[in-house]
Amino acid sequence: MKFLVTGGLGFIGQRVVRNLLARGISTVSADDSLNAEAVADLHAAAGGSAEFDAVTMDVSDFRDVMAVFHKHPDVSHAIHLAYVMGPLVDENTSLSTSVNILGMTNMFEAAVHRQFARLVFTSSETVYGPSQAPYGNRPVTENDFCDPATHTFTYAVMKLLNEHMGRRYAERLGASIVCTRPPVVYGHGRKRSAVMWAEHFASKPAVGQPVTLPFGPLTRDTWIYKDDCAEQLVRLSLKPKVAHFAYNSGGQCVTAAELAAIVKKWLPDAHIDFDSSREGTPLIDNQDGTRLIQEIDFVPRPLEQGVLAHINEARAAAGLLPV
């Protein structure tokens, strides 16, 4: 068994790779460029228990994708995370379309040509639209749907197209393809994102810096820790048979004020403010994760534990002792 993780040096990707290596599973990380420090850290994590390789790959170039499989013909599973996100999606539409649409399609093609045991990719809770309002005061399930005409983000519609095409490859060609729909993924170590506040809310107070969140205290979202998001992806990849194509990642639904209170439980002197002049996040508020819990027998950790891990990772990066 060997895994390919595209975007393996990214925010979630590194946690996926570490998870696989900790299980003794040989892993190839494929990215558009390589960060020497991150690669060295993952080689160290591999130790002698699993093979690890980091390669450059342009996911939008099918020949480049297949070249990785020629180098590693024993790849049996793939977790696809390589994606253009944030403002760059609209600022460079040609790039984002090449990576997000053509790149995803190339991975579907690879799943067929290489007969993967499983290809798992991350979709997004943004497929449900930019507001909780259409769903009322209840958790949103995988059976809910948002008309593309009501979407405000190109990123979300790209994810919808990815899901549509993934289903078609699974139904028409028998490829084993599954996706997750993560909510707000928090943790330390983001490089760029439209939701940097999902790091700053804890990373800044962790090192004694104030933070102002770009929404009011009653803004509600569902949050999941990055390591739990990675665990879900790995478990879905390893399970021989799954019942569904798409799974909400789930997590814990809280208001921004409740989130701040959790940070202050660990950091009583934290200075966390809110910008009440701005509307809440352009996301659904409450995501139901029951389907995935039942499928892989894994429950994401409570926010209190995840936020503590987030804080201590930020402190370690700054050379500070854990709380």
Protein backbone atom coordinates (compact mmCIF):
# COMPACT_ATOMS: atom_id res chain seq x y z
CA MET A 1 0.00 0.00 0.00
CA LYS A 2 1.25 3.47 -0.89
CA PHE A 3 -0.50 6.85 -0.81
CA LEU A 4 -0.15 9.89 -3.02
CA VAL A 5 -1.11 13.12 -1.25
CA THR A 6 -1.39 16.13 -3.55
CA GLY A 7 -0.86 19.38 -1.70
CA GLY A 8 0.96 17.29 0.88
CA LEU A 9 3.02 20.24 2.11
CA GLY A 10 -0.06 22.38 2.69
CA PHE A 11 -1.98 23.22 5.85
CA ILE A 12 -4.07 20.03 5.94
CA GLY A 13 -1.78 18.05 3.66
CA GLN A 14 1.12 17.93 6.12
CA ARG A 15 -1.20 16.54 8.78
CA VAL A 16 -2.46 13.89 6.37
CA VAL A 17 1.09 12.87 5.47
CA ARG A 18 2.12 12.70 9.13
CA ASN A 19 -0.96 10.64 9.91
CA LEU A 20 -0.13 8.14 7.18
CA LEU A 21 3.54 7.90 8.14
CA ALA A 22 2.59 7.34 11.78
CA ARG A 23 0.58 4.34 10.59
CA GLY A 24 3.64 3.01 8.78
CA ILE A 25 2.13 3.70 5.35
CA SER A 26 4.52 4.72 2.57
CA THR A 27 3.57 8.12 1.19
CA VAL A 28 4.40 10.41 -1.72
CA SER A 29 3.72 14.13 -1.31
CA ALA A 30 3.19 16.01 -4.59
CA ASP A 31 3.20 19.82 -4.71
CA ASP A 32 3.81 22.54 -7.28
CA SER A 33 6.96 23.50 -5.35
CA LEU A 34 8.87 22.01 -2.45
CA ASN A 35 9.64 23.65 0.88
CA ALA A 36 12.94 22.16 2.05
CA GLU A 37 12.17 22.58 5.76
CA ALA A 38 8.74 20.95 5.47
CA VAL A 39 10.17 18.08 3.42
CA ALA A 40 12.94 17.51 5.97
CA ASP A 41 10.40 17.46 8.81
CA LEU A 42 8.32 14.82 7.02
CA HIS A 43 11.38 12.71 6.26
CA ALA A 44 12.16 12.83 9.98
CA ALA A 45 8.57 11.87 10.79
CA ALA A 46 8.85 8.87 8.48
CA GLY A 47 11.88 7.55 10.33
CA GLY A 48 12.53 4.00 9.25
CA SER A 49 8.95 2.79 9.52
CA ALA A 50 7.67 4.03 6.15
CA GLU A 51 8.97 5.24 2.81
CA PHE A 52 8.50 8.96 2.10
CA ASP A 53 9.15 10.93 -1.05
CA ALA A 54 8.35 14.52 -1.99
CA VAL A 55 7.99 15.40 -5.66
CA THR A 56 7.02 18.42 -7.71
CA MET A 57 3.91 17.98 -9.82
CA ASP A 58 1.71 20.27 -11.88
CA VAL A 59 -1.69 18.72 -11.27
CA SER A 60 -3.14 20.55 -14.28
CA ASP A 61 -0.72 18.71 -16.62
CA PHE A 62 -1.84 15.10 -17.09
CA ARG A 63 1.60 14.06 -18.34
CA ASP A 64 3.16 15.47 -15.19
CA VAL A 65 0.62 13.62 -13.07
CA MET A 66 1.29 10.32 -14.81
CA ALA A 67 5.05 10.85 -14.49
CA VAL A 68 4.64 10.63 -10.72
CA PHE A 69 2.93 7.26 -11.12
CA HIS A 70 5.69 6.08 -13.43
CA LYS A 71 8.16 6.91 -10.65
CA HIS A 72 5.89 5.33 -8.03
CA PRO A 73 3.92 2.62 -9.86
CA ASP A 74 2.83 1.03 -6.58
CA VAL A 75 0.64 3.97 -5.48
CA SER A 76 -2.69 2.44 -4.51
CA HIS A 77 -4.55 5.32 -2.84
CA ALA A 78 -4.70 9.09 -3.29
CA ILE A 79 -5.86 12.02 -1.18
CA HIS A 80 -6.24 15.09 -3.36
CA LEU A 81 -5.80 18.44 -1.59
CA ALA A 82 -4.02 20.58 -4.21
CA TYR A 83 -6.31 23.54 -4.87
CA VAL A 84 -6.22 27.28 -5.48
CA MET A 85 -8.06 29.07 -2.68
CA GLY A 86 -8.85 32.54 -1.38
CA PRO A 87 -8.77 35.74 -3.45
CA LEU A 88 -6.49 34.12 -6.04
CA VAL A 89 -9.45 32.09 -7.34
CA ASP A 90 -10.94 35.23 -8.91
CA GLU A 91 -7.73 37.22 -9.30
CA ASN A 92 -6.21 34.55 -11.54
CA THR A 93 -9.13 32.68 -13.06
CA SER A 94 -6.96 30.91 -15.61
CA LEU A 95 -4.74 29.43 -12.89
CA SER A 96 -7.59 28.50 -10.58
CA THR A 97 -9.55 26.84 -13.40
CA SER A 98 -6.47 24.91 -14.51
CA VAL A 99 -5.72 23.62 -11.02
CA ASN A 100 -9.20 23.32 -9.54
CA ILE A 101 -11.10 21.93 -12.52
CA LEU A 102 -8.56 20.40 -14.90
CA GLY A 103 -6.33 19.26 -12.04
CA MET A 104 -9.22 17.55 -10.28
CA THR A 105 -10.25 15.91 -13.55
CA ASN A 106 -6.71 14.65 -14.06
CA MET A 107 -6.87 12.98 -10.66
CA PHE A 108 -10.18 11.35 -11.59
CA GLU A 109 -8.54 10.09 -14.78
CA ALA A 110 -5.59 8.78 -12.80
CA ALA A 111 -7.95 6.97 -10.43
CA VAL A 112 -9.36 5.11 -13.44
CA HIS A 113 -6.09 4.49 -15.28
CA ARG A 114 -4.20 3.40 -12.16
CA GLN A 115 -7.19 1.60 -10.61
CA PHE A 116 -6.86 3.25 -7.21
CA ALA A 117 -8.34 1.42 -4.28
CA ARG A 118 -9.69 4.85 -3.29
CA LEU A 119 -9.40 8.51 -4.23
CA VAL A 120 -10.57 10.94 -1.55
CA PHE A 121 -10.75 14.68 -2.14
CA THR A 122 -11.87 17.65 -0.11
CA SER A 123 -14.94 19.48 -1.29
CA SER A 124 -16.23 22.21 1.04
CA GLU A 125 -19.18 23.31 3.11
CA THR A 126 -19.37 26.26 0.70
CA VAL A 127 -21.33 23.98 -1.66
CA TYR A 128 -24.31 24.71 0.61
CA GLY A 129 -24.16 28.41 -0.23
CA PRO A 130 -23.19 31.60 1.59
CA SER A 131 -25.85 31.56 4.31
CA GLN A 132 -27.67 29.38 6.83
CA ALA A 133 -30.95 31.18 6.07
CA PRO A 134 -32.32 28.74 3.43
CA TYR A 135 -32.00 25.84 5.88
CA GLY A 136 -33.45 27.42 8.99
CA ASN A 137 -32.30 26.73 12.53
CA ARG A 138 -31.07 23.16 12.03
CA PRO A 139 -27.86 21.34 11.08
CA VAL A 140 -27.30 21.11 7.33
CA THR A 141 -27.07 17.52 6.03
CA GLU A 142 -25.62 15.98 2.88
CA ASN A 143 -29.12 15.80 1.40
CA ASP A 144 -29.45 19.59 1.39
CA PHE A 145 -28.77 21.49 -1.82
CA CYS A 146 -28.05 25.07 -2.86
CA ASP A 147 -28.89 26.27 -6.37
CA PRO A 148 -25.67 27.41 -8.10
CA ALA A 149 -27.46 30.64 -9.04
CA THR A 150 -27.48 31.68 -5.37
CA HIS A 151 -23.74 31.15 -4.89
CA THR A 152 -21.46 34.15 -4.46
CA PHE A 153 -18.07 32.38 -4.58
CA THR A 154 -16.43 30.93 -7.68
CA TYR A 155 -14.56 28.56 -5.35
CA ALA A 156 -17.83 27.02 -4.16
CA VAL A 157 -19.15 26.46 -7.68
CA MET A 158 -15.84 24.85 -8.64
CA LYS A 159 -16.30 22.44 -5.75
CA LEU A 160 -19.83 21.68 -6.96
CA LEU A 161 -18.46 20.84 -10.40
CA ASN A 162 -15.75 18.66 -8.83
CA GLU A 163 -18.42 16.72 -6.97
CA HIS A 164 -20.58 16.32 -10.08
CA MET A 165 -17.67 15.02 -12.12
CA GLY A 166 -16.48 12.74 -9.32
CA ARG A 167 -19.91 11.14 -9.13
CA ARG A 168 -19.89 10.62 -12.90
CA TYR A 169 -16.49 8.92 -12.83
CA ALA A 170 -17.69 6.69 -10.00
CA GLU A 171 -21.00 5.80 -11.66
CA ARG A 172 -19.82 5.44 -15.27
CA LEU A 173 -16.34 4.01 -14.84
CA GLY A 174 -16.48 2.35 -11.45
CA ALA A 175 -13.80 4.50 -9.83
CA SER A 176 -13.80 4.46 -6.03
CA ILE A 177 -14.10 8.19 -5.30
CA VAL A 178 -15.26 9.89 -2.09
CA CYS A 179 -15.25 13.49 -0.86
CA THR A 180 -15.56 15.34 2.42
CA ARG A 181 -17.11 18.76 2.98
CA PRO A 182 -15.06 20.43 5.73
CA PRO A 183 -16.42 23.43 7.64
CA VAL A 184 -14.01 25.99 9.16
CA VAL A 185 -10.73 24.13 9.70
CA TYR A 186 -8.66 25.66 12.49
CA GLY A 187 -5.08 25.18 13.60
CA HIS A 188 -1.69 26.85 13.36
CA GLY A 189 0.33 26.98 10.16
CA ARG A 190 -1.78 28.48 7.38
CA LYS A 191 0.27 30.29 4.73
CA ARG A 192 -2.53 31.97 2.80
CA SER A 193 -6.29 31.71 2.98
CA ALA A 194 -9.52 33.67 2.78
CA VAL A 195 -10.12 32.57 6.38
CA MET A 196 -6.87 33.49 8.12
CA TRP A 197 -9.06 34.40 11.09
CA ALA A 198 -9.41 30.61 11.63
CA GLU A 199 -5.75 30.68 12.66
CA HIS A 200 -5.43 34.15 14.15
CA PHE A 201 -8.22 33.71 16.73
CA ALA A 202 -5.89 31.45 18.76
CA SER A 203 -2.41 31.83 17.26
CA LYS A 204 -2.15 35.54 18.01
CA PRO A 205 -3.30 35.35 21.65
CA ALA A 206 -1.01 32.33 22.07
CA VAL A 207 2.00 34.62 21.62
CA GLY A 208 0.55 37.61 23.47
CA GLN A 209 -0.85 39.50 20.48
CA PRO A 210 -4.36 41.00 20.35
CA VAL A 211 -6.76 39.90 17.62
CA THR A 212 -9.92 41.38 16.12
CA LEU A 213 -12.17 38.88 14.39
CA PRO A 214 -13.88 40.20 11.22
CA PHE A 215 -17.43 39.52 12.42
CA GLY A 216 -19.68 40.02 15.41
CA PRO A 217 -19.71 37.95 18.62
CA LEU A 218 -22.97 36.18 17.72
CA THR A 219 -21.62 34.89 14.41
CA ARG A 220 -22.01 31.12 14.40
CA ASP A 221 -19.88 28.56 12.54
CA THR A 222 -18.91 24.90 12.68
CA TRP A 223 -15.24 24.31 13.51
CA ILE A 224 -12.98 21.26 13.15
CA TYR A 225 -9.31 20.87 14.11
CA LYS A 226 -6.89 20.21 11.25
CA ASP A 227 -5.65 16.89 12.67
CA ASP A 228 -9.22 15.60 12.89
CA CYS A 229 -9.90 16.66 9.31
CA ALA A 230 -6.80 14.66 8.31
CA GLU A 231 -7.90 11.63 10.33
CA GLN A 232 -11.24 11.63 8.54
CA LEU A 233 -9.57 11.68 5.12
CA VAL A 234 -7.24 8.83 6.02
CA ARG A 235 -9.98 6.66 7.51
CA LEU A 236 -12.21 7.17 4.47
CA SER A 237 -9.29 6.22 2.25
CA LEU A 238 -8.55 3.02 4.14
CA LYS A 239 -12.09 1.72 4.57
CA PRO A 240 -12.65 -1.00 1.95
CA LYS A 241 -16.29 -0.09 1.30
CA VAL A 242 -18.19 3.13 1.99
CA ALA A 243 -21.89 3.81 1.78
CA HIS A 244 -21.88 7.30 0.26
CA PHE A 245 -20.04 9.61 -2.12
CA ALA A 246 -20.08 12.79 0.02
CA TYR A 247 -19.65 13.33 3.74
CA ASN A 248 -19.91 16.43 5.91
CA SER A 249 -16.85 16.66 8.12
CA GLY A 250 -18.93 18.04 10.98
CA GLY A 251 -17.30 19.43 14.08
CA GLN A 252 -18.57 21.75 16.81
CA CYS A 253 -20.97 24.63 16.19
CA VAL A 254 -20.36 27.70 18.37
CA THR A 255 -20.71 31.47 18.31
CA ALA A 256 -17.64 33.66 18.01
CA ALA A 257 -18.17 34.74 21.63
CA GLU A 258 -18.17 31.11 22.75
CA LEU A 259 -15.01 30.49 20.74
CA ALA A 260 -13.30 33.45 22.39
CA ALA A 261 -14.31 32.14 25.81
CA ILE A 262 -12.60 28.83 25.02
CA VAL A 263 -9.40 30.64 24.07
CA LYS A 264 -9.58 32.64 27.30
CA LYS A 265 -10.00 29.46 29.33
CA TRP A 266 -6.43 28.59 28.33
CA LEU A 267 -5.17 32.17 27.96
CA PRO A 268 -7.01 34.32 30.54
CA ASP A 269 -5.18 37.48 29.43
CA ALA A 270 -6.10 37.07 25.74
CA HIS A 271 -7.39 40.22 24.01
CA ILE A 272 -10.05 39.16 21.48
CA ASP A 273 -12.33 41.75 19.90
CA PHE A 274 -15.02 41.58 17.22
CA ASP A 275 -15.95 43.79 14.29
CA SER A 276 -19.70 44.02 14.80
CA SER A 277 -20.05 46.40 11.85
CA ARG A 278 -19.50 43.49 9.48
CA GLU A 279 -21.90 40.70 8.68
CA GLY A 280 -21.19 37.16 9.79
CA THR A 281 -19.12 34.72 7.80
CA PRO A 282 -20.45 33.88 4.30
CA LEU A 283 -20.95 30.26 5.28
CA ILE A 284 -23.59 28.00 6.72
CA ASP A 285 -23.67 28.08 10.51
CA ASN A 286 -24.31 24.50 11.49
CA GLN A 287 -23.15 21.33 9.73
CA ASP A 288 -24.31 17.83 10.63
CA GLY A 289 -21.48 15.28 10.73
CA THR A 290 -23.49 12.20 11.73
CA ARG A 291 -23.05 10.36 8.42
CA LEU A 292 -19.24 10.43 8.62
CA ILE A 293 -19.14 9.54 12.32
CA GLN A 294 -21.20 6.45 11.57
CA GLU A 295 -19.09 5.57 8.52
CA ILE A 296 -15.62 5.73 10.07
CA ASP A 297 -16.35 5.50 13.81
CA PHE A 298 -14.48 8.70 14.61
CA VAL A 299 -15.71 11.79 16.47
CA PRO A 300 -13.76 15.07 16.11
CA ARG A 301 -12.31 16.31 19.39
CA PRO A 302 -14.13 18.97 21.42
CA LEU A 303 -13.14 22.56 20.68
CA GLU A 304 -11.53 22.95 24.10
CA GLN A 305 -9.01 20.23 23.28
CA GLY A 306 -8.45 21.37 19.71
CA VAL A 307 -7.95 25.00 20.68
CA LEU A 308 -5.42 23.96 23.33
CA ALA A 309 -3.48 21.99 20.72
CA HIS A 310 -3.68 24.98 18.36
CA ILE A 311 -2.41 27.36 21.05
CA ASN A 312 0.50 25.13 21.98
CA GLU A 313 1.55 24.61 18.38
CA ALA A 314 1.63 28.39 17.89
CA ARG A 315 3.64 28.80 21.08
CA ALA A 316 6.09 26.09 20.06
CA ALA A 317 6.64 27.83 16.72
CA ALA A 318 7.52 31.00 18.67
CA GLY A 319 9.85 29.17 21.05
CA LEU A 320 7.45 29.41 24.00
CA LEU A 321 6.49 26.76 26.54
CA PRO A 322 3.05 25.11 26.29
CA VAL A 323 0.22 26.29 28.51
